[in-house]
Amino acid sequence: MAGSSIKSPGIVALLLVQIVLGYEWLVSGLTKVVRGGFPQGLGDELGEMSHGAPGWYRDFLASVVLPHAQAFGYTIEVAELVVGAILIATAVGILAGRASLSSRLVGWSALAASVTAIVMVADFELANGGAFGLSLAEDPFDEGLDLDTLLTGLQLALALFWIATLRRRLAQEPISNSRRTSLRLVLRSVFSLRQPTTRAQATSQVPAGNSLGRVPGTTTARGGT
């Protein structure tokens, strides 16, 4: 199943994109851990960069994030490392034939990592005062889309892909072997026996049904054919 599930070039390309995104998150998390100082400096960094953020998001930062900036810093470091590792591991596992695209564990893990990545990158974009690519840059030398906007779109596409994969997986699950299901199937079989589709006696709708002779395929016995 694992090998046959990745024959589509589109799926292979999407998994390769997932590996690139996972690598970006993994390197970002490792940089924060190795260089150090991210949790301790997150509060000051958010205070400086959030001047262009929407008013409601600045209020959120001031009341929720900044008072606990160091805890949020450690959480971001761990989240980036975990998200990167999961996105890389699930995609490489499927491409290498070690995991199945239809595996529930793989699907839910990749979906959880993608959703977490969307939340983080959307927070970064809002904190920077970005508009998610909905407005033109002020400087003509700036790029058309900033990295956070691009990551948001790609992670959203990945999340939708895994949602569709999980829904297809649930739709193809075999019938339950529970006692309730078995009893329902047994009762259905009994009712079908009590109401046969073929009548034992000839009727007026059957060819030669009004004749005195026996109609082919019927019997004179009252109990059945």
N, C-alpha and C. Protein backbone atom coordinates (compact mmCIF):
# COMPACT_ATOMS: atom_id res chain seq x y z
N MET A 1 0.82 -1.21 0.00
CA MET A 1 0.00 0.00 0.00
C MET A 1 0.86 1.25 0.00
N ALA A 2 1.96 1.23 0.75
CA ALA A 2 2.79 2.42 0.83
C ALA A 2 3.39 2.77 -0.51
N GLY A 3 3.86 1.76 -1.26
CA GLY A 3 4.48 2.05 -2.53
C GLY A 3 3.50 2.51 -3.57
N SER A 4 2.27 1.92 -3.57
CA SER A 4 1.29 2.26 -4.59
C SER A 4 0.62 3.58 -4.33
N SER A 5 0.73 4.14 -3.11
CA SER A 5 0.00 5.35 -2.77
C SER A 5 0.73 6.62 -3.20
N ILE A 6 1.94 6.52 -3.71
CA ILE A 6 2.69 7.72 -4.06
C ILE A 6 3.04 7.76 -5.54
N LYS A 7 2.32 7.01 -6.38
CA LYS A 7 2.62 7.00 -7.80
C LYS A 7 2.24 8.31 -8.46
N SER A 8 1.30 9.04 -7.90
CA SER A 8 0.88 10.30 -8.49
C SER A 8 2.00 11.32 -8.40
N PRO A 9 2.41 11.91 -9.54
CA PRO A 9 3.46 12.94 -9.50
C PRO A 9 3.07 14.13 -8.62
N GLY A 10 1.78 14.47 -8.59
CA GLY A 10 1.34 15.58 -7.76
C GLY A 10 1.58 15.33 -6.29
N ILE A 11 1.30 14.10 -5.83
CA ILE A 11 1.52 13.76 -4.43
C ILE A 11 3.00 13.76 -4.11
N VAL A 12 3.81 13.23 -5.01
CA VAL A 12 5.26 13.24 -4.79
C VAL A 12 5.77 14.67 -4.67
N ALA A 13 5.30 15.56 -5.56
CA ALA A 13 5.74 16.95 -5.52
C ALA A 13 5.31 17.61 -4.21
N LEU A 14 4.09 17.32 -3.75
CA LEU A 14 3.61 17.91 -2.51
C LEU A 14 4.42 17.42 -1.32
N LEU A 15 4.80 16.15 -1.33
CA LEU A 15 5.62 15.62 -0.25
C LEU A 15 7.02 16.24 -0.26
N LEU A 16 7.54 16.52 -1.43
CA LEU A 16 8.84 17.19 -1.51
C LEU A 16 8.75 18.62 -0.96
N VAL A 17 7.64 19.29 -1.26
CA VAL A 17 7.42 20.62 -0.68
C VAL A 17 7.34 20.52 0.84
N GLN A 18 6.68 19.48 1.33
CA GLN A 18 6.58 19.29 2.77
C GLN A 18 7.96 19.09 3.40
N ILE A 19 8.83 18.38 2.72
CA ILE A 19 10.19 18.19 3.25
C ILE A 19 10.92 19.53 3.33
N VAL A 20 10.77 20.36 2.30
CA VAL A 20 11.43 21.68 2.31
C VAL A 20 10.89 22.53 3.45
N LEU A 21 9.58 22.53 3.63
CA LEU A 21 9.00 23.31 4.72
C LEU A 21 9.44 22.77 6.08
N GLY A 22 9.47 21.45 6.20
CA GLY A 22 9.92 20.86 7.45
C GLY A 22 11.36 21.22 7.75
N TYR A 23 12.20 21.24 6.71
CA TYR A 23 13.60 21.62 6.91
C TYR A 23 13.72 23.07 7.36
N GLU A 24 12.89 23.94 6.79
CA GLU A 24 12.93 25.35 7.19
C GLU A 24 12.56 25.50 8.67
N TRP A 25 11.52 24.80 9.11
CA TRP A 25 11.12 24.87 10.52
C TRP A 25 12.19 24.26 11.42
N LEU A 26 12.76 23.15 10.99
CA LEU A 26 13.77 22.49 11.81
C LEU A 26 15.01 23.37 11.98
N VAL A 27 15.48 23.97 10.89
CA VAL A 27 16.65 24.84 10.95
C VAL A 27 16.35 26.08 11.79
N SER A 28 15.15 26.61 11.65
CA SER A 28 14.78 27.78 12.43
C SER A 28 14.80 27.47 13.93
N GLY A 29 14.24 26.31 14.30
CA GLY A 29 14.26 25.92 15.70
C GLY A 29 15.65 25.64 16.22
N LEU A 30 16.46 24.96 15.41
CA LEU A 30 17.84 24.68 15.83
C LEU A 30 18.65 25.96 15.99
N THR A 31 18.42 26.92 15.11
CA THR A 31 19.14 28.19 15.22
C THR A 31 18.82 28.88 16.54
N LYS A 32 17.55 28.88 16.91
CA LYS A 32 17.16 29.51 18.17
C LYS A 32 17.79 28.80 19.37
N VAL A 33 17.83 27.46 19.32
CA VAL A 33 18.38 26.71 20.44
C VAL A 33 19.89 26.86 20.52
N VAL A 34 20.58 26.71 19.38
CA VAL A 34 22.04 26.73 19.37
C VAL A 34 22.57 28.13 19.67
N ARG A 35 22.01 29.14 19.05
CA ARG A 35 22.49 30.51 19.26
C ARG A 35 22.12 31.02 20.65
N GLY A 36 20.98 30.59 21.14
CA GLY A 36 20.55 30.99 22.47
C GLY A 36 20.01 32.41 22.52
N GLY A 37 19.33 32.72 23.62
CA GLY A 37 18.85 34.07 23.84
C GLY A 37 17.48 34.37 23.27
N PHE A 38 16.88 33.45 22.57
CA PHE A 38 15.57 33.74 21.96
C PHE A 38 14.48 33.93 23.01
N PRO A 39 14.32 33.02 23.95
CA PRO A 39 13.25 33.22 24.95
C PRO A 39 13.45 34.51 25.74
N GLN A 40 14.70 34.81 26.09
CA GLN A 40 14.97 35.99 26.91
C GLN A 40 14.75 37.30 26.14
N GLY A 41 14.95 37.27 24.82
CA GLY A 41 14.83 38.49 24.03
C GLY A 41 13.53 38.62 23.26
N LEU A 42 12.62 37.65 23.42
CA LEU A 42 11.38 37.67 22.63
C LEU A 42 10.53 38.88 22.98
N GLY A 43 10.44 39.22 24.26
CA GLY A 43 9.60 40.34 24.66
C GLY A 43 10.05 41.64 24.03
N ASP A 44 11.34 41.94 24.10
CA ASP A 44 11.85 43.17 23.50
C ASP A 44 11.66 43.18 21.99
N GLU A 45 11.88 42.01 21.36
CA GLU A 45 11.74 41.92 19.90
C GLU A 45 10.29 42.18 19.48
N LEU A 46 9.34 41.59 20.19
CA LEU A 46 7.93 41.80 19.85
C LEU A 46 7.53 43.25 20.10
N GLY A 47 8.07 43.86 21.16
CA GLY A 47 7.74 45.26 21.44
C GLY A 47 8.18 46.18 20.34
N GLU A 48 9.31 45.88 19.72
CA GLU A 48 9.84 46.76 18.66
C GLU A 48 9.16 46.51 17.31
N MET A 49 8.89 45.25 17.01
CA MET A 49 8.41 44.92 15.67
C MET A 49 6.89 44.99 15.52
N SER A 50 6.17 45.15 16.60
CA SER A 50 4.70 45.07 16.52
C SER A 50 4.04 46.42 16.37
N HIS A 51 4.82 47.48 16.07
CA HIS A 51 4.22 48.81 15.92
C HIS A 51 3.25 48.86 14.74
N GLY A 52 3.54 48.08 13.71
CA GLY A 52 2.66 48.09 12.54
C GLY A 52 1.60 47.02 12.57
N ALA A 53 1.51 46.26 13.67
CA ALA A 53 0.53 45.19 13.78
C ALA A 53 -0.87 45.77 13.96
N PRO A 54 -1.92 45.02 13.61
CA PRO A 54 -3.29 45.50 13.86
C PRO A 54 -3.51 45.79 15.34
N GLY A 55 -4.43 46.73 15.63
CA GLY A 55 -4.66 47.13 17.01
C GLY A 55 -5.07 45.98 17.91
N TRP A 56 -5.97 45.12 17.42
CA TRP A 56 -6.43 44.01 18.25
C TRP A 56 -5.30 43.03 18.55
N TYR A 57 -4.34 42.90 17.61
CA TYR A 57 -3.24 41.97 17.85
C TYR A 57 -2.22 42.58 18.80
N ARG A 58 -2.04 43.89 18.73
CA ARG A 58 -1.16 44.55 19.70
C ARG A 58 -1.71 44.41 21.11
N ASP A 59 -3.02 44.52 21.25
CA ASP A 59 -3.64 44.31 22.57
C ASP A 59 -3.42 42.89 23.05
N PHE A 60 -3.52 41.93 22.13
CA PHE A 60 -3.28 40.53 22.49
C PHE A 60 -1.85 40.32 22.95
N LEU A 61 -0.90 40.90 22.24
CA LEU A 61 0.50 40.79 22.63
C LEU A 61 0.75 41.42 24.00
N ALA A 62 0.17 42.59 24.21
CA ALA A 62 0.43 43.31 25.46
C ALA A 62 -0.18 42.62 26.67
N SER A 63 -1.34 41.99 26.48
CA SER A 63 -2.04 41.41 27.62
C SER A 63 -1.73 39.93 27.85
N VAL A 64 -1.34 39.20 26.79
CA VAL A 64 -1.16 37.75 26.92
C VAL A 64 0.29 37.32 26.71
N VAL A 65 0.91 37.78 25.63
CA VAL A 65 2.23 37.26 25.25
C VAL A 65 3.35 37.94 26.03
N LEU A 66 3.39 39.25 26.01
CA LEU A 66 4.52 39.96 26.63
C LEU A 66 4.70 39.67 28.12
N PRO A 67 3.64 39.55 28.91
CA PRO A 67 3.86 39.20 30.32
C PRO A 67 4.47 37.81 30.51
N HIS A 68 4.33 36.95 29.53
CA HIS A 68 4.88 35.58 29.62
C HIS A 68 5.77 35.31 28.41
N ALA A 69 6.52 36.31 27.99
CA ALA A 69 7.29 36.21 26.75
C ALA A 69 8.33 35.09 26.81
N GLN A 70 8.97 34.90 27.95
CA GLN A 70 10.00 33.86 28.03
C GLN A 70 9.40 32.46 27.86
N ALA A 71 8.25 32.23 28.48
CA ALA A 71 7.59 30.92 28.33
C ALA A 71 7.17 30.71 26.87
N PHE A 72 6.65 31.75 26.23
CA PHE A 72 6.29 31.64 24.81
C PHE A 72 7.53 31.39 23.96
N GLY A 73 8.65 31.96 24.34
CA GLY A 73 9.89 31.74 23.59
C GLY A 73 10.31 30.29 23.60
N TYR A 74 10.30 29.66 24.78
CA TYR A 74 10.65 28.25 24.86
C TYR A 74 9.63 27.38 24.09
N THR A 75 8.36 27.76 24.18
CA THR A 75 7.32 27.01 23.46
C THR A 75 7.55 27.08 21.95
N ILE A 76 7.91 28.25 21.45
CA ILE A 76 8.16 28.41 20.01
C ILE A 76 9.35 27.56 19.58
N GLU A 77 10.42 27.56 20.37
CA GLU A 77 11.59 26.74 20.04
C GLU A 77 11.21 25.27 19.90
N VAL A 78 10.51 24.75 20.90
CA VAL A 78 10.13 23.33 20.88
C VAL A 78 9.17 23.06 19.72
N ALA A 79 8.19 23.95 19.51
CA ALA A 79 7.20 23.74 18.46
C ALA A 79 7.85 23.70 17.08
N GLU A 80 8.81 24.59 16.83
CA GLU A 80 9.48 24.60 15.53
C GLU A 80 10.27 23.31 15.30
N LEU A 81 10.95 22.84 16.34
CA LEU A 81 11.71 21.59 16.20
C LEU A 81 10.78 20.41 15.94
N VAL A 82 9.69 20.32 16.70
CA VAL A 82 8.77 19.19 16.54
C VAL A 82 8.07 19.23 15.19
N VAL A 83 7.59 20.41 14.80
CA VAL A 83 6.91 20.55 13.50
C VAL A 83 7.85 20.16 12.36
N GLY A 84 9.08 20.67 12.39
CA GLY A 84 10.03 20.33 11.34
C GLY A 84 10.33 18.84 11.29
N ALA A 85 10.52 18.21 12.45
CA ALA A 85 10.83 16.79 12.48
C ALA A 85 9.67 15.95 11.95
N ILE A 86 8.44 16.30 12.33
CA ILE A 86 7.28 15.53 11.89
C ILE A 86 7.06 15.67 10.38
N LEU A 87 7.14 16.90 9.87
CA LEU A 87 6.92 17.10 8.44
C LEU A 87 7.96 16.35 7.60
N ILE A 88 9.21 16.38 8.05
CA ILE A 88 10.25 15.67 7.30
C ILE A 88 10.08 14.16 7.42
N ALA A 89 9.85 13.68 8.64
CA ALA A 89 9.77 12.23 8.88
C ALA A 89 8.60 11.59 8.14
N THR A 90 7.42 12.22 8.17
CA THR A 90 6.27 11.63 7.50
C THR A 90 6.44 11.61 5.99
N ALA A 91 6.95 12.71 5.43
CA ALA A 91 7.13 12.77 3.97
C ALA A 91 8.21 11.80 3.51
N VAL A 92 9.35 11.77 4.19
CA VAL A 92 10.43 10.85 3.81
C VAL A 92 9.99 9.40 3.99
N GLY A 93 9.24 9.13 5.06
CA GLY A 93 8.76 7.77 5.29
C GLY A 93 7.87 7.27 4.16
N ILE A 94 6.99 8.13 3.67
CA ILE A 94 6.10 7.74 2.57
C ILE A 94 6.89 7.57 1.28
N LEU A 95 7.76 8.51 0.97
CA LEU A 95 8.54 8.44 -0.27
C LEU A 95 9.48 7.23 -0.27
N ALA A 96 9.99 6.86 0.90
CA ALA A 96 10.90 5.72 0.99
C ALA A 96 10.16 4.39 1.12
N GLY A 97 8.84 4.42 1.18
CA GLY A 97 8.08 3.19 1.30
C GLY A 97 8.03 2.62 2.70
N ARG A 98 8.47 3.39 3.69
CA ARG A 98 8.46 2.93 5.08
C ARG A 98 7.15 3.24 5.77
N ALA A 99 6.35 4.11 5.20
CA ALA A 99 5.06 4.48 5.78
C ALA A 99 4.04 4.58 4.67
N SER A 100 2.78 4.48 5.04
CA SER A 100 1.70 4.51 4.07
C SER A 100 0.99 5.86 4.10
N LEU A 101 0.62 6.34 2.94
CA LEU A 101 -0.11 7.59 2.86
C LEU A 101 -1.46 7.48 3.53
N SER A 102 -2.02 6.27 3.59
CA SER A 102 -3.33 6.06 4.19
C SER A 102 -3.25 5.76 5.68
N SER A 103 -2.06 5.77 6.25
CA SER A 103 -1.91 5.51 7.68
C SER A 103 -2.55 6.63 8.49
N ARG A 104 -3.37 6.26 9.45
CA ARG A 104 -4.03 7.26 10.28
C ARG A 104 -3.01 8.03 11.12
N LEU A 105 -2.02 7.32 11.65
CA LEU A 105 -1.00 7.97 12.48
C LEU A 105 -0.21 8.99 11.67
N VAL A 106 0.18 8.62 10.45
CA VAL A 106 0.92 9.55 9.59
C VAL A 106 0.07 10.77 9.25
N GLY A 107 -1.18 10.52 8.89
CA GLY A 107 -2.06 11.61 8.49
C GLY A 107 -2.32 12.60 9.60
N TRP A 108 -2.67 12.09 10.78
CA TRP A 108 -2.96 12.99 11.90
C TRP A 108 -1.71 13.72 12.37
N SER A 109 -0.55 13.05 12.34
CA SER A 109 0.69 13.71 12.75
C SER A 109 1.04 14.86 11.80
N ALA A 110 0.96 14.59 10.50
CA ALA A 110 1.28 15.64 9.52
C ALA A 110 0.27 16.78 9.58
N LEU A 111 -1.01 16.45 9.79
CA LEU A 111 -2.02 17.50 9.88
C LEU A 111 -1.80 18.37 11.12
N ALA A 112 -1.51 17.74 12.26
CA ALA A 112 -1.26 18.50 13.48
C ALA A 112 -0.05 19.42 13.32
N ALA A 113 1.01 18.90 12.69
CA ALA A 113 2.19 19.72 12.46
C ALA A 113 1.88 20.89 11.52
N SER A 114 1.09 20.64 10.48
CA SER A 114 0.75 21.70 9.53
C SER A 114 -0.10 22.78 10.18
N VAL A 115 -1.08 22.38 11.00
CA VAL A 115 -1.93 23.36 11.68
C VAL A 115 -1.10 24.20 12.66
N THR A 116 -0.21 23.54 13.41
CA THR A 116 0.67 24.26 14.33
C THR A 116 1.54 25.25 13.58
N ALA A 117 2.06 24.83 12.43
CA ALA A 117 2.89 25.72 11.62
C ALA A 117 2.10 26.92 11.13
N ILE A 118 0.84 26.70 10.73
CA ILE A 118 0.00 27.81 10.27
C ILE A 118 -0.20 28.83 11.39
N VAL A 119 -0.46 28.34 12.60
CA VAL A 119 -0.67 29.25 13.74
C VAL A 119 0.59 30.07 14.00
N MET A 120 1.75 29.41 14.00
CA MET A 120 3.00 30.14 14.29
C MET A 120 3.31 31.16 13.21
N VAL A 121 3.21 30.77 11.95
CA VAL A 121 3.61 31.69 10.89
C VAL A 121 2.61 32.83 10.75
N ALA A 122 1.33 32.56 11.06
CA ALA A 122 0.34 33.64 11.04
C ALA A 122 0.62 34.64 12.15
N ASP A 123 1.04 34.13 13.32
CA ASP A 123 1.42 35.02 14.41
C ASP A 123 2.62 35.89 14.03
N PHE A 124 3.60 35.27 13.39
CA PHE A 124 4.79 36.04 12.97
C PHE A 124 4.40 37.13 11.97
N GLU A 125 3.51 36.79 11.04
CA GLU A 125 3.09 37.75 10.02
C GLU A 125 2.33 38.92 10.66
N LEU A 126 1.44 38.62 11.58
CA LEU A 126 0.67 39.68 12.25
C LEU A 126 1.58 40.56 13.10
N ALA A 127 2.52 39.92 13.82
CA ALA A 127 3.44 40.69 14.66
C ALA A 127 4.30 41.63 13.83
N ASN A 128 4.63 41.23 12.62
CA ASN A 128 5.44 42.07 11.73
C ASN A 128 4.62 43.15 11.03
N GLY A 129 3.30 43.12 11.25
CA GLY A 129 2.46 44.09 10.57
C GLY A 129 2.20 43.76 9.13
N GLY A 130 2.42 42.51 8.75
CA GLY A 130 2.20 42.09 7.37
C GLY A 130 0.73 41.98 7.03
N ALA A 131 0.44 41.99 5.74
CA ALA A 131 -0.95 41.94 5.27
C ALA A 131 -1.23 40.67 4.50
N PHE A 132 -0.40 39.64 4.68
CA PHE A 132 -0.58 38.35 4.00
C PHE A 132 -0.65 38.51 2.48
N GLY A 133 0.15 39.42 1.95
CA GLY A 133 0.21 39.59 0.51
C GLY A 133 -0.98 40.30 -0.11
N LEU A 134 -1.86 40.90 0.72
CA LEU A 134 -3.05 41.57 0.19
C LEU A 134 -2.81 43.03 -0.17
N SER A 135 -1.61 43.54 0.09
CA SER A 135 -1.29 44.93 -0.27
C SER A 135 0.12 44.97 -0.85
N LEU A 136 0.39 46.03 -1.60
CA LEU A 136 1.70 46.19 -2.22
C LEU A 136 2.73 46.64 -1.19
N ALA A 137 3.97 46.23 -1.42
CA ALA A 137 5.06 46.66 -0.54
C ALA A 137 5.34 48.15 -0.74
N GLU A 138 5.82 48.80 0.31
CA GLU A 138 6.12 50.23 0.22
C GLU A 138 7.39 50.50 -0.57
N ASP A 139 8.35 49.58 -0.49
CA ASP A 139 9.63 49.75 -1.18
C ASP A 139 9.61 48.95 -2.47
N PRO A 140 9.93 49.55 -3.63
CA PRO A 140 9.92 48.80 -4.89
C PRO A 140 10.97 47.71 -4.95
N PHE A 141 11.95 47.74 -4.04
CA PHE A 141 12.97 46.70 -4.02
C PHE A 141 12.58 45.52 -3.12
N ASP A 142 11.45 45.63 -2.44
CA ASP A 142 10.98 44.52 -1.61
C ASP A 142 10.40 43.42 -2.49
N GLU A 143 10.37 42.22 -1.93
CA GLU A 143 9.79 41.10 -2.66
C GLU A 143 8.27 41.24 -2.70
N GLY A 144 7.66 40.54 -3.67
CA GLY A 144 6.20 40.61 -3.79
C GLY A 144 5.50 40.01 -2.60
N LEU A 145 5.95 38.83 -2.17
CA LEU A 145 5.40 38.16 -1.00
C LEU A 145 6.52 37.90 -0.02
N ASP A 146 6.30 38.25 1.24
CA ASP A 146 7.31 37.96 2.24
C ASP A 146 7.27 36.48 2.60
N LEU A 147 8.30 36.02 3.30
CA LEU A 147 8.43 34.60 3.61
C LEU A 147 7.28 34.09 4.46
N ASP A 148 6.81 34.88 5.43
CA ASP A 148 5.72 34.43 6.29
C ASP A 148 4.43 34.22 5.50
N THR A 149 4.15 35.11 4.56
CA THR A 149 2.97 34.95 3.71
C THR A 149 3.08 33.70 2.85
N LEU A 150 4.25 33.49 2.27
CA LEU A 150 4.47 32.31 1.43
C LEU A 150 4.33 31.03 2.25
N LEU A 151 4.90 31.02 3.44
CA LEU A 151 4.79 29.84 4.30
C LEU A 151 3.35 29.58 4.72
N THR A 152 2.61 30.65 4.98
CA THR A 152 1.20 30.48 5.36
C THR A 152 0.42 29.77 4.25
N GLY A 153 0.61 30.22 3.01
CA GLY A 153 -0.10 29.59 1.89
C GLY A 153 0.30 28.14 1.69
N LEU A 154 1.58 27.86 1.75
CA LEU A 154 2.05 26.48 1.54
C LEU A 154 1.60 25.56 2.66
N GLN A 155 1.67 26.04 3.90
CA GLN A 155 1.23 25.20 5.01
C GLN A 155 -0.27 24.97 4.96
N LEU A 156 -1.02 25.97 4.53
CA LEU A 156 -2.46 25.80 4.39
C LEU A 156 -2.78 24.75 3.33
N ALA A 157 -2.05 24.77 2.21
CA ALA A 157 -2.25 23.76 1.17
C ALA A 157 -1.95 22.37 1.71
N LEU A 158 -0.89 22.24 2.49
CA LEU A 158 -0.55 20.94 3.09
C LEU A 158 -1.63 20.47 4.05
N ALA A 159 -2.14 21.38 4.86
CA ALA A 159 -3.19 21.01 5.82
C ALA A 159 -4.44 20.52 5.09
N LEU A 160 -4.83 21.20 4.02
CA LEU A 160 -5.99 20.77 3.24
C LEU A 160 -5.75 19.41 2.60
N PHE A 161 -4.53 19.18 2.14
CA PHE A 161 -4.20 17.88 1.55
C PHE A 161 -4.36 16.75 2.57
N TRP A 162 -3.87 16.95 3.78
CA TRP A 162 -3.96 15.90 4.79
C TRP A 162 -5.38 15.73 5.30
N ILE A 163 -6.16 16.80 5.32
CA ILE A 163 -7.57 16.67 5.69
C ILE A 163 -8.29 15.81 4.66
N ALA A 164 -8.05 16.07 3.38
CA ALA A 164 -8.68 15.28 2.32
C ALA A 164 -8.23 13.82 2.39
N THR A 165 -6.94 13.59 2.68
CA THR A 165 -6.43 12.22 2.78
C THR A 165 -7.08 11.47 3.93
N LEU A 166 -7.23 12.13 5.07
CA LEU A 166 -7.85 11.49 6.23
C LEU A 166 -9.33 11.21 5.98
N ARG A 167 -10.02 12.13 5.32
CA ARG A 167 -11.43 11.90 5.00
C ARG A 167 -11.60 10.71 4.06
N ARG A 168 -10.71 10.60 3.08
CA ARG A 168 -10.75 9.46 2.18
C ARG A 168 -10.47 8.17 2.93
N ARG A 169 -9.56 8.23 3.89
CA ARG A 169 -9.22 7.06 4.70
C ARG A 169 -10.42 6.63 5.54
N LEU A 170 -11.14 7.57 6.13
CA LEU A 170 -12.31 7.23 6.94
C LEU A 170 -13.43 6.67 6.08
N ALA A 171 -13.57 7.18 4.86
CA ALA A 171 -14.63 6.69 3.97
C ALA A 171 -14.37 5.27 3.49
N GLN A 172 -13.11 4.83 3.49
CA GLN A 172 -12.76 3.50 3.00
C GLN A 172 -12.58 2.49 4.12
N GLU A 173 -12.90 2.86 5.35
CA GLU A 173 -12.74 1.92 6.46
C GLU A 173 -13.72 0.77 6.31
N PRO A 174 -13.30 -0.47 6.66
CA PRO A 174 -14.19 -1.62 6.54
C PRO A 174 -15.34 -1.54 7.52
N ILE A 175 -16.39 -2.35 7.25
CA ILE A 175 -17.55 -2.39 8.12
C ILE A 175 -17.16 -2.90 9.49
N SER A 176 -17.71 -2.31 10.52
CA SER A 176 -17.37 -2.69 11.88
C SER A 176 -17.79 -4.13 12.17
N ASN A 177 -16.99 -4.82 12.98
CA ASN A 177 -17.30 -6.19 13.40
C ASN A 177 -17.96 -6.24 14.77
N SER A 178 -18.54 -5.12 15.21
CA SER A 178 -19.16 -5.08 16.52
C SER A 178 -20.40 -5.96 16.55
N ARG A 179 -20.86 -6.31 17.77
CA ARG A 179 -22.05 -7.16 17.92
C ARG A 179 -23.29 -6.48 17.35
N ARG A 180 -23.38 -5.16 17.51
CA ARG A 180 -24.54 -4.44 16.99
C ARG A 180 -24.62 -4.54 15.48
N THR A 181 -23.46 -4.37 14.81
CA THR A 181 -23.45 -4.48 13.35
C THR A 181 -23.77 -5.89 12.91
N SER A 182 -23.21 -6.90 13.59
CA SER A 182 -23.47 -8.29 13.24
C SER A 182 -24.94 -8.63 13.41
N LEU A 183 -25.56 -8.15 14.51
CA LEU A 183 -26.98 -8.42 14.74
C LEU A 183 -27.83 -7.79 13.66
N ARG A 184 -27.49 -6.58 13.22
CA ARG A 184 -28.25 -5.93 12.18
C ARG A 184 -28.17 -6.70 10.86
N LEU A 185 -27.00 -7.22 10.54
CA LEU A 185 -26.84 -8.01 9.31
C LEU A 185 -27.62 -9.32 9.39
N VAL A 186 -27.65 -9.95 10.57
CA VAL A 186 -28.39 -11.20 10.74
C VAL A 186 -29.88 -10.96 10.57
N LEU A 187 -30.41 -9.90 11.20
CA LEU A 187 -31.83 -9.59 11.07
C LEU A 187 -32.20 -9.27 9.63
N ARG A 188 -31.31 -8.59 8.92
CA ARG A 188 -31.58 -8.29 7.52
C ARG A 188 -31.67 -9.57 6.70
N SER A 189 -30.81 -10.53 7.00
CA SER A 189 -30.83 -11.81 6.29
C SER A 189 -32.12 -12.57 6.59
N VAL A 190 -32.57 -12.55 7.87
CA VAL A 190 -33.80 -13.26 8.25
C VAL A 190 -35.00 -12.66 7.54
N PHE A 191 -35.08 -11.32 7.50
CA PHE A 191 -36.21 -10.69 6.83
C PHE A 191 -36.22 -11.00 5.34
N SER A 192 -35.04 -11.10 4.73
CA SER A 192 -35.00 -11.41 3.31
C SER A 192 -35.47 -12.84 3.04
N LEU A 193 -35.24 -13.76 3.99
CA LEU A 193 -35.73 -15.12 3.84
C LEU A 193 -37.24 -15.20 4.01
N ARG A 194 -37.78 -14.37 4.88
CA ARG A 194 -39.23 -14.38 5.10
C ARG A 194 -39.98 -13.71 3.97
N GLN A 195 -39.31 -12.90 3.16
CA GLN A 195 -39.94 -12.22 2.04
C GLN A 195 -39.16 -12.50 0.77
N PRO A 196 -39.28 -13.72 0.23
CA PRO A 196 -38.52 -14.08 -0.97
C PRO A 196 -38.93 -13.23 -2.16
N THR A 197 -38.01 -13.03 -3.06
CA THR A 197 -38.29 -12.22 -4.24
C THR A 197 -39.02 -13.02 -5.33
N THR A 198 -39.01 -14.34 -5.28
CA THR A 198 -39.67 -15.19 -6.27
C THR A 198 -40.87 -15.86 -5.65
N ARG A 199 -42.04 -15.71 -6.23
CA ARG A 199 -43.25 -16.32 -5.72
C ARG A 199 -43.31 -17.77 -6.18
N ALA A 200 -43.91 -18.59 -5.35
CA ALA A 200 -43.97 -20.02 -5.66
C ALA A 200 -45.05 -20.33 -6.67
N GLN A 201 -46.17 -19.59 -6.65
CA GLN A 201 -47.27 -19.88 -7.56
C GLN A 201 -47.29 -18.90 -8.72
N ALA A 202 -47.87 -19.36 -9.79
CA ALA A 202 -47.99 -18.51 -10.97
C ALA A 202 -49.02 -17.43 -10.72
N THR A 203 -48.83 -16.25 -11.32
CA THR A 203 -49.77 -15.15 -11.21
C THR A 203 -50.19 -14.73 -12.60
N SER A 204 -51.14 -13.80 -12.61
CA SER A 204 -51.64 -13.34 -13.90
C SER A 204 -50.59 -12.57 -14.68
N GLN A 205 -49.57 -12.06 -13.98
CA GLN A 205 -48.54 -11.32 -14.70
C GLN A 205 -47.50 -12.25 -15.32
N VAL A 206 -47.47 -13.50 -14.90
CA VAL A 206 -46.52 -14.45 -15.44
C VAL A 206 -47.05 -14.99 -16.75
N PRO A 207 -46.23 -15.15 -17.76
CA PRO A 207 -46.72 -15.73 -19.03
C PRO A 207 -47.41 -17.06 -18.78
N ALA A 208 -48.57 -17.19 -19.41
CA ALA A 208 -49.38 -18.40 -19.27
C ALA A 208 -49.80 -18.62 -17.82
N GLY A 209 -49.89 -17.55 -17.04
CA GLY A 209 -50.25 -17.68 -15.63
C GLY A 209 -51.69 -18.13 -15.44
N ASN A 210 -52.59 -17.84 -16.38
CA ASN A 210 -53.99 -18.22 -16.27
C ASN A 210 -54.27 -19.59 -16.88
N SER A 211 -53.24 -20.21 -17.39
CA SER A 211 -53.45 -21.50 -18.02
C SER A 211 -53.56 -22.58 -16.97
N LEU A 212 -54.10 -23.69 -17.35
CA LEU A 212 -54.26 -24.81 -16.44
C LEU A 212 -52.95 -25.57 -16.25
N GLY A 213 -52.06 -25.41 -17.18
CA GLY A 213 -50.79 -26.12 -17.07
C GLY A 213 -49.83 -25.39 -16.14
N ARG A 214 -48.78 -26.05 -15.75
CA ARG A 214 -47.77 -25.46 -14.88
C ARG A 214 -46.91 -24.47 -15.66
N VAL A 215 -46.61 -23.38 -15.03
CA VAL A 215 -45.74 -22.39 -15.64
C VAL A 215 -44.31 -22.79 -15.37
N PRO A 216 -43.45 -22.74 -16.37
CA PRO A 216 -42.04 -23.09 -16.13
C PRO A 216 -41.44 -22.23 -15.02
N GLY A 217 -40.72 -22.89 -14.12
CA GLY A 217 -40.06 -22.18 -13.03
C GLY A 217 -40.90 -22.07 -11.78
N THR A 218 -42.15 -22.63 -11.78
CA THR A 218 -42.98 -22.59 -10.58
C THR A 218 -43.25 -24.00 -10.11
N THR A 219 -43.93 -24.11 -8.96
CA THR A 219 -44.24 -25.42 -8.42
C THR A 219 -45.62 -25.38 -7.81
N THR A 220 -46.22 -26.50 -7.67
CA THR A 220 -47.55 -26.60 -7.07
C THR A 220 -47.45 -26.65 -5.55
N ALA A 221 -46.25 -26.85 -5.01
CA ALA A 221 -46.09 -26.90 -3.55
C ALA A 221 -46.33 -25.51 -2.95
N ARG A 222 -47.06 -25.46 -1.81
CA ARG A 222 -47.40 -24.20 -1.19
C ARG A 222 -46.18 -23.56 -0.51
N GLY A 223 -45.23 -24.32 -0.08
CA GLY A 223 -44.14 -23.81 0.74
C GLY A 223 -43.03 -23.13 -0.02
N GLY A 224 -42.89 -23.27 -1.29
CA GLY A 224 -41.78 -22.63 -2.02
C GLY A 224 -41.52 -23.31 -3.33
N THR A 225 -40.40 -23.02 -3.96
CA THR A 225 -40.07 -23.60 -5.27
C THR A 225 -39.44 -24.95 -5.11
